[in-house]
Every structure is written in C-alpha cells, then in structure tokens.
PDB file of all heavy atoms in Angstrom:
ATOM      1  N   ALA A   1       0.872  -1.208  -0.018  1.00  0.00           N
ATOM      2  CA  ALA A   1       0.007   0.029  -0.025  1.00  0.00           C
ATOM      3  C   ALA A   1       0.896   1.195   0.021  1.00  0.00           C
ATOM      4  O   ALA A   1       2.085   1.209   0.562  1.00  0.00           O
ATOM      5  CB  ALA A   1      -0.933   0.010   1.253  1.00  0.00           C
ATOM      6  N   PRO A   2       0.459   2.297  -0.570  1.00  0.00           N
ATOM      7  CA  PRO A   2       1.264   3.544  -0.668  1.00  0.00           C
ATOM      8  C   PRO A   2       1.449   4.163   0.743  1.00  0.00           C
ATOM      9  O   PRO A   2       0.541   4.116   1.612  1.00  0.00           O
ATOM     10  CB  PRO A   2       0.416   4.478  -1.528  1.00  0.00           C
ATOM     11  CG  PRO A   2      -0.900   4.014  -1.486  1.00  0.00           C
ATOM     12  CD  PRO A   2      -0.859   2.479  -1.293  1.00  0.00           C
ATOM     13  N   LEU A   3       2.648   4.588   0.985  1.00  0.00           N
ATOM     14  CA  LEU A   3       3.022   5.234   2.248  1.00  0.00           C
ATOM     15  C   LEU A   3       3.460   6.717   1.801  1.00  0.00           C
ATOM     16  O   LEU A   3       4.731   6.984   1.829  1.00  0.00           O
ATOM     17  CB  LEU A   3       4.102   4.466   2.949  1.00  0.00           C
ATOM     18  CG  LEU A   3       4.508   4.929   4.415  1.00  0.00           C
ATOM     19  CD1 LEU A   3       3.373   4.828   5.278  1.00  0.00           C
ATOM     20  CD2 LEU A   3       5.698   4.156   4.935  1.00  0.00           C
ATOM     21  N   GLN A   4       2.571   7.476   1.449  1.00  0.00           N
ATOM     22  CA  GLN A   4       2.873   8.758   0.893  1.00  0.00           C
ATOM     23  C   GLN A   4       2.363   9.929   1.653  1.00  0.00           C
ATOM     24  O   GLN A   4       2.508  11.114   1.201  1.00  0.00           O
ATOM     25  CB  GLN A   4       2.241   8.839  -0.582  1.00  0.00           C
ATOM     26  CG  GLN A   4       2.520   7.590  -1.377  1.00  0.00           C
ATOM     27  CD  GLN A   4       3.851   7.554  -1.920  1.00  0.00           C
ATOM     28  OE1 GLN A   4       4.700   8.439  -1.648  1.00  0.00           O
ATOM     29  NE2 GLN A   4       4.241   6.410  -2.697  1.00  0.00           N
ATOM     30  N   ASN A   5       1.625   9.741   2.752  1.00  0.00           N
ATOM     31  CA  ASN A   5       1.072  10.859   3.534  1.00  0.00           C
ATOM     32  C   ASN A   5       2.231  11.750   4.090  1.00  0.00           C
ATOM     33  O   ASN A   5       3.047  11.366   4.915  1.00  0.00           O
ATOM     34  CB  ASN A   5       0.248  10.315   4.737  1.00  0.00           C
ATOM     35  CG  ASN A   5      -0.570  11.432   5.393  1.00  0.00           C
ATOM     36  OD1 ASN A   5      -0.681  12.589   4.834  1.00  0.00           O
ATOM     37  ND2 ASN A   5      -1.007  11.101   6.623  1.00  0.00           N
ATOM     38  N   GLY A   6       2.281  12.991   3.562  1.00  0.00           N
ATOM     39  CA  GLY A   6       3.245  14.018   3.909  1.00  0.00           C
ATOM     40  C   GLY A   6       4.491  13.889   3.053  1.00  0.00           C
ATOM     41  O   GLY A   6       5.358  14.639   3.206  1.00  0.00           O
ATOM     42  N   PHE A   7       4.541  12.854   2.116  1.00  0.00           N
ATOM     43  CA  PHE A   7       5.690  12.718   1.276  1.00  0.00           C
ATOM     44  C   PHE A   7       5.603  13.769   0.162  1.00  0.00           C
ATOM     45  O   PHE A   7       4.473  14.367  -0.096  1.00  0.00           O
ATOM     46  CB  PHE A   7       5.679  11.337   0.691  1.00  0.00           C
ATOM     47  CG  PHE A   7       6.924  10.759   0.410  1.00  0.00           C
ATOM     48  CD1 PHE A   7       7.857  10.589   1.487  1.00  0.00           C
ATOM     49  CD2 PHE A   7       7.328  10.168  -0.795  1.00  0.00           C
ATOM     50  CE1 PHE A   7       9.120  10.012   1.279  1.00  0.00           C
ATOM     51  CE2 PHE A   7       8.690   9.654  -1.058  1.00  0.00           C
ATOM     52  CZ  PHE A   7       9.456   9.547   0.036  1.00  0.00           C
ATOM     53  N   PRO A   8       6.655  14.055  -0.571  1.00  0.00           N
ATOM     54  CA  PRO A   8       6.497  15.027  -1.658  1.00  0.00           C
ATOM     55  C   PRO A   8       5.518  14.710  -2.674  1.00  0.00           C
ATOM     56  O   PRO A   8       5.448  13.483  -3.181  1.00  0.00           O
ATOM     57  CB  PRO A   8       7.975  14.993  -2.317  1.00  0.00           C
ATOM     58  CG  PRO A   8       8.830  14.529  -1.238  1.00  0.00           C
ATOM     59  CD  PRO A   8       7.997  13.564  -0.396  1.00  0.00           C
ATOM     60  N   GLU A   9       4.640  15.659  -2.994  1.00  0.00           N
ATOM     61  CA  GLU A   9       3.599  15.398  -3.988  1.00  0.00           C
ATOM     62  C   GLU A   9       4.096  15.288  -5.419  1.00  0.00           C
ATOM     63  O   GLU A   9       3.709  14.600  -6.345  1.00  0.00           O
ATOM     64  CB  GLU A   9       2.512  16.389  -3.989  1.00  0.00           C
ATOM     65  CG  GLU A   9       1.751  16.309  -2.606  1.00  0.00           C
ATOM     66  CD  GLU A   9       0.521  17.414  -2.700  1.00  0.00           C
ATOM     67  OE1 GLU A   9       0.324  18.063  -3.672  1.00  0.00           O
ATOM     68  OE2 GLU A   9      -0.179  17.531  -1.641  1.00  0.00           O
ATOM     69  N   SER A  10       5.285  15.975  -5.631  1.00  0.00           N
ATOM     70  CA  SER A  10       5.840  16.039  -6.911  1.00  0.00           C
ATOM     71  C   SER A  10       6.507  14.669  -7.262  1.00  0.00           C
ATOM     72  O   SER A  10       7.361  14.152  -6.442  1.00  0.00           O
ATOM     73  CB  SER A  10       7.041  17.130  -6.963  1.00  0.00           C
ATOM     74  OG  SER A  10       7.875  16.868  -7.956  1.00  0.00           O
ATOM     75  N   ARG A  11       6.154  14.146  -8.391  1.00  0.00           N
ATOM     76  CA  ARG A  11       6.811  12.839  -8.823  1.00  0.00           C
ATOM     77  C   ARG A  11       8.195  12.945  -9.142  1.00  0.00           C
ATOM     78  O   ARG A  11       8.958  11.996  -9.093  1.00  0.00           O
ATOM     79  CB  ARG A  11       5.945  12.300  -9.974  1.00  0.00           C
ATOM     80  CG  ARG A  11       4.528  11.905  -9.696  1.00  0.00           C
ATOM     81  CD  ARG A  11       3.790  11.387 -10.801  1.00  0.00           C
ATOM     82  NE  ARG A  11       2.361  11.079 -10.355  1.00  0.00           N
ATOM     83  CZ  ARG A  11       2.002   9.893  -9.939  1.00  0.00           C
ATOM     84  NH1 ARG A  11       2.855   8.884  -9.906  1.00  0.00           N
ATOM     85  NH2 ARG A  11       0.695   9.736  -9.542  1.00  0.00           N
ATOM     86  N   TYR A  12       8.666  14.190  -9.427  1.00  0.00           N
ATOM     87  CA  TYR A  12      10.074  14.474  -9.715  1.00  0.00           C
ATOM     88  C   TYR A  12      10.898  14.268  -8.476  1.00  0.00           C
ATOM     89  O   TYR A  12      11.992  13.772  -8.421  1.00  0.00           O
ATOM     90  CB  TYR A  12      10.187  15.762 -10.351  1.00  0.00           C
ATOM     91  CG  TYR A  12      11.666  16.160 -10.612  1.00  0.00           C
ATOM     92  CD1 TYR A  12      12.407  15.625 -11.698  1.00  0.00           C
ATOM     93  CD2 TYR A  12      12.326  17.078  -9.819  1.00  0.00           C
ATOM     94  CE1 TYR A  12      13.702  15.954 -11.901  1.00  0.00           C
ATOM     95  CE2 TYR A  12      13.587  17.484 -10.068  1.00  0.00           C
ATOM     96  CZ  TYR A  12      14.332  16.883 -11.107  1.00  0.00           C
ATOM     97  OH  TYR A  12      15.605  17.275 -11.389  1.00  0.00           O
ATOM     98  N   TYR A  13      10.323  14.797  -7.338  1.00  0.00           N
ATOM     99  CA  TYR A  13      11.076  14.824  -6.076  1.00  0.00           C
ATOM    100  C   TYR A  13      10.764  13.723  -5.185  1.00  0.00           C
ATOM    101  O   TYR A  13      11.574  13.498  -4.231  1.00  0.00           O
ATOM    102  CB  TYR A  13      10.806  16.155  -5.300  1.00  0.00           C
ATOM    103  CG  TYR A  13      11.443  17.394  -5.931  1.00  0.00           C
ATOM    104  CD1 TYR A  13      10.696  18.492  -6.284  1.00  0.00           C
ATOM    105  CD2 TYR A  13      12.828  17.422  -6.127  1.00  0.00           C
ATOM    106  CE1 TYR A  13      11.317  19.575  -6.827  1.00  0.00           C
ATOM    107  CE2 TYR A  13      13.490  18.573  -6.695  1.00  0.00           C
ATOM    108  CZ  TYR A  13      12.741  19.639  -6.980  1.00  0.00           C
ATOM    109  OH  TYR A  13      13.387  20.705  -7.597  1.00  0.00           O
ATOM    110  N   ARG A  14       9.781  12.790  -5.463  1.00  0.00           N
ATOM    111  CA  ARG A  14       9.467  11.752  -4.539  1.00  0.00           C
ATOM    112  C   ARG A  14      10.343  10.526  -4.826  1.00  0.00           C
ATOM    113  O   ARG A  14      10.321   9.557  -4.199  1.00  0.00           O
ATOM    114  CB  ARG A  14       8.056  11.319  -4.624  1.00  0.00           C
ATOM    115  CG  ARG A  14       7.600  10.611  -5.876  1.00  0.00           C
ATOM    116  CD  ARG A  14       6.201  10.045  -5.752  1.00  0.00           C
ATOM    117  NE  ARG A  14       5.154  10.968  -5.330  1.00  0.00           N
ATOM    118  CZ  ARG A  14       3.861  10.807  -5.492  1.00  0.00           C
ATOM    119  NH1 ARG A  14       3.430   9.573  -6.002  1.00  0.00           N
ATOM    120  NH2 ARG A  14       2.990  11.644  -5.125  1.00  0.00           N
ATOM    121  N   LYS A  15      11.107  10.566  -5.920  1.00  0.00           N
ATOM    122  CA  LYS A  15      11.969   9.369  -6.344  1.00  0.00           C
ATOM    123  C   LYS A  15      12.903   9.119  -5.113  1.00  0.00           C
ATOM    124  O   LYS A  15      13.645   9.968  -4.696  1.00  0.00           O
ATOM    125  CB  LYS A  15      12.716   9.734  -7.531  1.00  0.00           C
ATOM    126  CG  LYS A  15      11.901   9.856  -8.806  1.00  0.00           C
ATOM    127  CD  LYS A  15      12.654  10.237 -10.060  1.00  0.00           C
ATOM    128  CE  LYS A  15      13.070  11.565 -10.077  1.00  0.00           C
ATOM    129  NZ  LYS A  15      13.664  11.936 -11.400  1.00  0.00           N
ATOM    130  N   THR A  16      12.806   7.918  -4.650  1.00  0.00           N
ATOM    131  CA  THR A  16      13.487   7.455  -3.442  1.00  0.00           C
ATOM    132  C   THR A  16      14.714   6.610  -3.759  1.00  0.00           C
ATOM    133  O   THR A  16      14.593   5.536  -4.340  1.00  0.00           O
ATOM    134  CB  THR A  16      12.530   6.738  -2.460  1.00  0.00           C
ATOM    135  OG1 THR A  16      11.416   7.531  -2.200  1.00  0.00           O
ATOM    136  CG2 THR A  16      13.182   6.329  -1.218  1.00  0.00           C
ATOM    137  N   GLN A  17      15.805   7.055  -3.412  1.00  0.00           N
ATOM    138  CA  GLN A  17      17.156   6.320  -3.627  1.00  0.00           C
ATOM    139  C   GLN A  17      17.523   5.360  -2.510  1.00  0.00           C
ATOM    140  O   GLN A  17      18.057   4.413  -2.712  1.00  0.00           O
ATOM    141  CB  GLN A  17      18.328   7.384  -3.885  1.00  0.00           C
ATOM    142  CG  GLN A  17      19.576   6.804  -3.969  1.00  0.00           C
ATOM    143  CD  GLN A  17      19.825   6.206  -5.282  1.00  0.00           C
ATOM    144  OE1 GLN A  17      19.192   6.441  -6.294  1.00  0.00           O
ATOM    145  NE2 GLN A  17      20.873   5.382  -5.351  1.00  0.00           N
ATOM    146  N   THR A  18      17.139   5.738  -1.284  1.00  0.00           N
ATOM    147  CA  THR A  18      17.640   4.938  -0.028  1.00  0.00           C
ATOM    148  C   THR A  18      16.668   5.000   0.999  1.00  0.00           C
ATOM    149  O   THR A  18      15.873   5.997   1.258  1.00  0.00           O
ATOM    150  CB  THR A  18      18.992   5.505   0.454  1.00  0.00           C
ATOM    151  OG1 THR A  18      19.443   4.767   1.550  1.00  0.00           O
ATOM    152  CG2 THR A  18      18.879   6.941   0.742  1.00  0.00           C
ATOM    153  N   LEU A  19      16.583   3.825   1.699  1.00  0.00           N
ATOM    154  CA  LEU A  19      15.678   3.755   2.956  1.00  0.00           C
ATOM    155  C   LEU A  19      16.535   3.399   4.189  1.00  0.00           C
ATOM    156  O   LEU A  19      17.489   2.545   3.979  1.00  0.00           O
ATOM    157  CB  LEU A  19      14.579   2.756   2.726  1.00  0.00           C
ATOM    158  CG  LEU A  19      13.438   3.180   1.719  1.00  0.00           C
ATOM    159  CD1 LEU A  19      12.532   1.904   1.614  1.00  0.00           C
ATOM    160  CD2 LEU A  19      12.673   4.395   2.146  1.00  0.00           C
ATOM    161  N   PHE A  20      16.167   3.844   5.296  1.00  0.00           N
ATOM    162  CA  PHE A  20      16.832   3.408   6.570  1.00  0.00           C
ATOM    163  C   PHE A  20      15.735   3.226   7.723  1.00  0.00           C
ATOM    164  O   PHE A  20      15.014   4.201   7.894  1.00  0.00           O
ATOM    165  CB  PHE A  20      17.853   4.418   6.943  1.00  0.00           C
ATOM    166  CG  PHE A  20      18.649   4.107   8.282  1.00  0.00           C
ATOM    167  CD1 PHE A  20      19.588   3.169   8.336  1.00  0.00           C
ATOM    168  CD2 PHE A  20      18.166   4.741   9.401  1.00  0.00           C
ATOM    169  CE1 PHE A  20      20.161   2.812   9.471  1.00  0.00           C
ATOM    170  CE2 PHE A  20      18.768   4.429  10.603  1.00  0.00           C
ATOM    171  CZ  PHE A  20      19.846   3.437  10.758  1.00  0.00           C
ATOM    172  N   TYR A  21      15.771   2.102   8.300  1.00  0.00           N
ATOM    173  CA  TYR A  21      14.655   1.790   9.295  1.00  0.00           C
ATOM    174  C   TYR A  21      15.374   1.708  10.699  1.00  0.00           C
ATOM    175  O   TYR A  21      16.146   0.845  10.926  1.00  0.00           O
ATOM    176  CB  TYR A  21      13.975   0.497   8.983  1.00  0.00           C
ATOM    177  CG  TYR A  21      12.759   0.185   9.838  1.00  0.00           C
ATOM    178  CD1 TYR A  21      11.854   1.242  10.111  1.00  0.00           C
ATOM    179  CD2 TYR A  21      12.492  -0.983  10.415  1.00  0.00           C
ATOM    180  CE1 TYR A  21      10.711   1.056  10.850  1.00  0.00           C
ATOM    181  CE2 TYR A  21      11.381  -1.214  11.189  1.00  0.00           C
ATOM    182  CZ  TYR A  21      10.409  -0.190  11.387  1.00  0.00           C
ATOM    183  OH  TYR A  21       9.290  -0.416  12.183  1.00  0.00           O
ATOM    184  N   LEU A  22      14.945   2.598  11.594  1.00  0.00           N
ATOM    185  CA  LEU A  22      15.464   2.650  12.933  1.00  0.00           C
ATOM    186  C   LEU A  22      14.491   2.075  13.868  1.00  0.00           C
ATOM    187  O   LEU A  22      13.393   2.746  14.101  1.00  0.00           O
ATOM    188  CB  LEU A  22      15.809   4.107  13.284  1.00  0.00           C
ATOM    189  CG  LEU A  22      16.405   4.394  14.727  1.00  0.00           C
ATOM    190  CD1 LEU A  22      17.764   3.560  14.820  1.00  0.00           C
ATOM    191  CD2 LEU A  22      16.659   5.864  14.955  1.00  0.00           C
ATOM    192  N   GLU A  23      14.725   0.839  14.233  1.00  0.00           N
ATOM    193  CA  GLU A  23      13.758   0.106  15.108  1.00  0.00           C
ATOM    194  C   GLU A  23      13.954   0.414  16.636  1.00  0.00           C
ATOM    195  O   GLU A  23      15.009   0.510  17.129  1.00  0.00           O
ATOM    196  CB  GLU A  23      13.813  -1.359  14.911  1.00  0.00           C
ATOM    197  CG  GLU A  23      13.295  -1.818  13.509  1.00  0.00           C
ATOM    198  CD  GLU A  23      12.834  -3.192  13.574  1.00  0.00           C
ATOM    199  OE1 GLU A  23      11.854  -3.534  14.197  1.00  0.00           O
ATOM    200  OE2 GLU A  23      13.512  -4.056  12.875  1.00  0.00           O
ATOM    201  N   SER A  24      12.848   0.640  17.294  1.00  0.00           N
ATOM    202  CA  SER A  24      12.927   0.939  18.808  1.00  0.00           C
ATOM    203  C   SER A  24      11.450   0.874  19.187  1.00  0.00           C
ATOM    204  O   SER A  24      10.627   0.396  18.511  1.00  0.00           O
ATOM    205  CB  SER A  24      13.429   2.397  18.999  1.00  0.00           C
ATOM    206  OG  SER A  24      12.611   3.373  18.366  1.00  0.00           O
ATOM    207  N   ASP A  25      11.201   1.398  20.450  1.00  0.00           N
ATOM    208  CA  ASP A  25       9.828   1.409  20.921  1.00  0.00           C
ATOM    209  C   ASP A  25       8.933   2.383  20.145  1.00  0.00           C
ATOM    210  O   ASP A  25       7.754   2.245  19.983  1.00  0.00           O
ATOM    211  CB  ASP A  25       9.864   1.930  22.441  1.00  0.00           C
ATOM    212  CG  ASP A  25      10.477   0.925  23.387  1.00  0.00           C
ATOM    213  OD1 ASP A  25      10.417  -0.217  22.937  1.00  0.00           O
ATOM    214  OD2 ASP A  25      10.984   1.300  24.367  1.00  0.00           O
ATOM    215  N   SER A  26       9.681   3.346  19.438  1.00  0.00           N
ATOM    216  CA  SER A  26       9.020   4.417  18.542  1.00  0.00           C
ATOM    217  C   SER A  26       9.780   4.233  17.165  1.00  0.00           C
ATOM    218  O   SER A  26      10.503   5.300  16.978  1.00  0.00           O
ATOM    219  CB  SER A  26       8.966   5.779  19.203  1.00  0.00           C
ATOM    220  OG  SER A  26       8.256   6.665  18.320  1.00  0.00           O
ATOM    221  N   PRO A  27       9.562   3.323  16.474  1.00  0.00           N
ATOM    222  CA  PRO A  27      10.337   3.120  15.250  1.00  0.00           C
ATOM    223  C   PRO A  27      10.168   4.334  14.169  1.00  0.00           C
ATOM    224  O   PRO A  27       9.112   4.944  14.102  1.00  0.00           O
ATOM    225  CB  PRO A  27       9.906   1.734  14.626  1.00  0.00           C
ATOM    226  CG  PRO A  27       8.489   1.625  15.175  1.00  0.00           C
ATOM    227  CD  PRO A  27       8.500   2.225  16.527  1.00  0.00           C
ATOM    228  N   ARG A  28      11.235   4.560  13.502  1.00  0.00           N
ATOM    229  CA  ARG A  28      11.159   5.586  12.513  1.00  0.00           C
ATOM    230  C   ARG A  28      11.777   5.085  11.195  1.00  0.00           C
ATOM    231  O   ARG A  28      12.806   4.302  11.195  1.00  0.00           O
ATOM    232  CB  ARG A  28      11.938   6.843  12.916  1.00  0.00           C
ATOM    233  CG  ARG A  28      11.415   7.431  14.166  1.00  0.00           C
ATOM    234  CD  ARG A  28      12.193   8.749  14.541  1.00  0.00           C
ATOM    235  NE  ARG A  28      11.877   9.793  13.702  1.00  0.00           N
ATOM    236  CZ  ARG A  28      12.449  10.988  13.776  1.00  0.00           C
ATOM    237  NH1 ARG A  28      13.644  11.122  14.477  1.00  0.00           N
ATOM    238  NH2 ARG A  28      12.166  11.989  12.973  1.00  0.00           N
ATOM    239  N   LEU A  29      11.196   5.435  10.067  1.00  0.00           N
ATOM    240  CA  LEU A  29      11.679   5.167   8.709  1.00  0.00           C
ATOM    241  C   LEU A  29      12.191   6.484   8.066  1.00  0.00           C
ATOM    242  O   LEU A  29      11.501   7.450   8.076  1.00  0.00           O
ATOM    243  CB  LEU A  29      10.557   4.525   7.951  1.00  0.00           C
ATOM    244  CG  LEU A  29      10.836   4.163   6.521  1.00  0.00           C
ATOM    245  CD1 LEU A  29      11.860   3.090   6.417  1.00  0.00           C
ATOM    246  CD2 LEU A  29       9.557   3.884   5.689  1.00  0.00           C
TER     247      LEU A  29
END
C-alpha cells in the first residue's frame, strides 16, 4: 500500500534512492 502521507507530491522529487529503518519502541523510517 502507498506510504505517501506527507511525502513530496511532486513525482520528480519523490523518487527514493535509499531507505533506513530505525527500530525501537517508537520506530522511524
């Protein structure tokens, strides 16, 4: 499913090169 809420609306700028997942009690991507 799309995870785009708050992400750049521009298709030019939303291109994603890298992801990093920080797991904890309050995980952040």
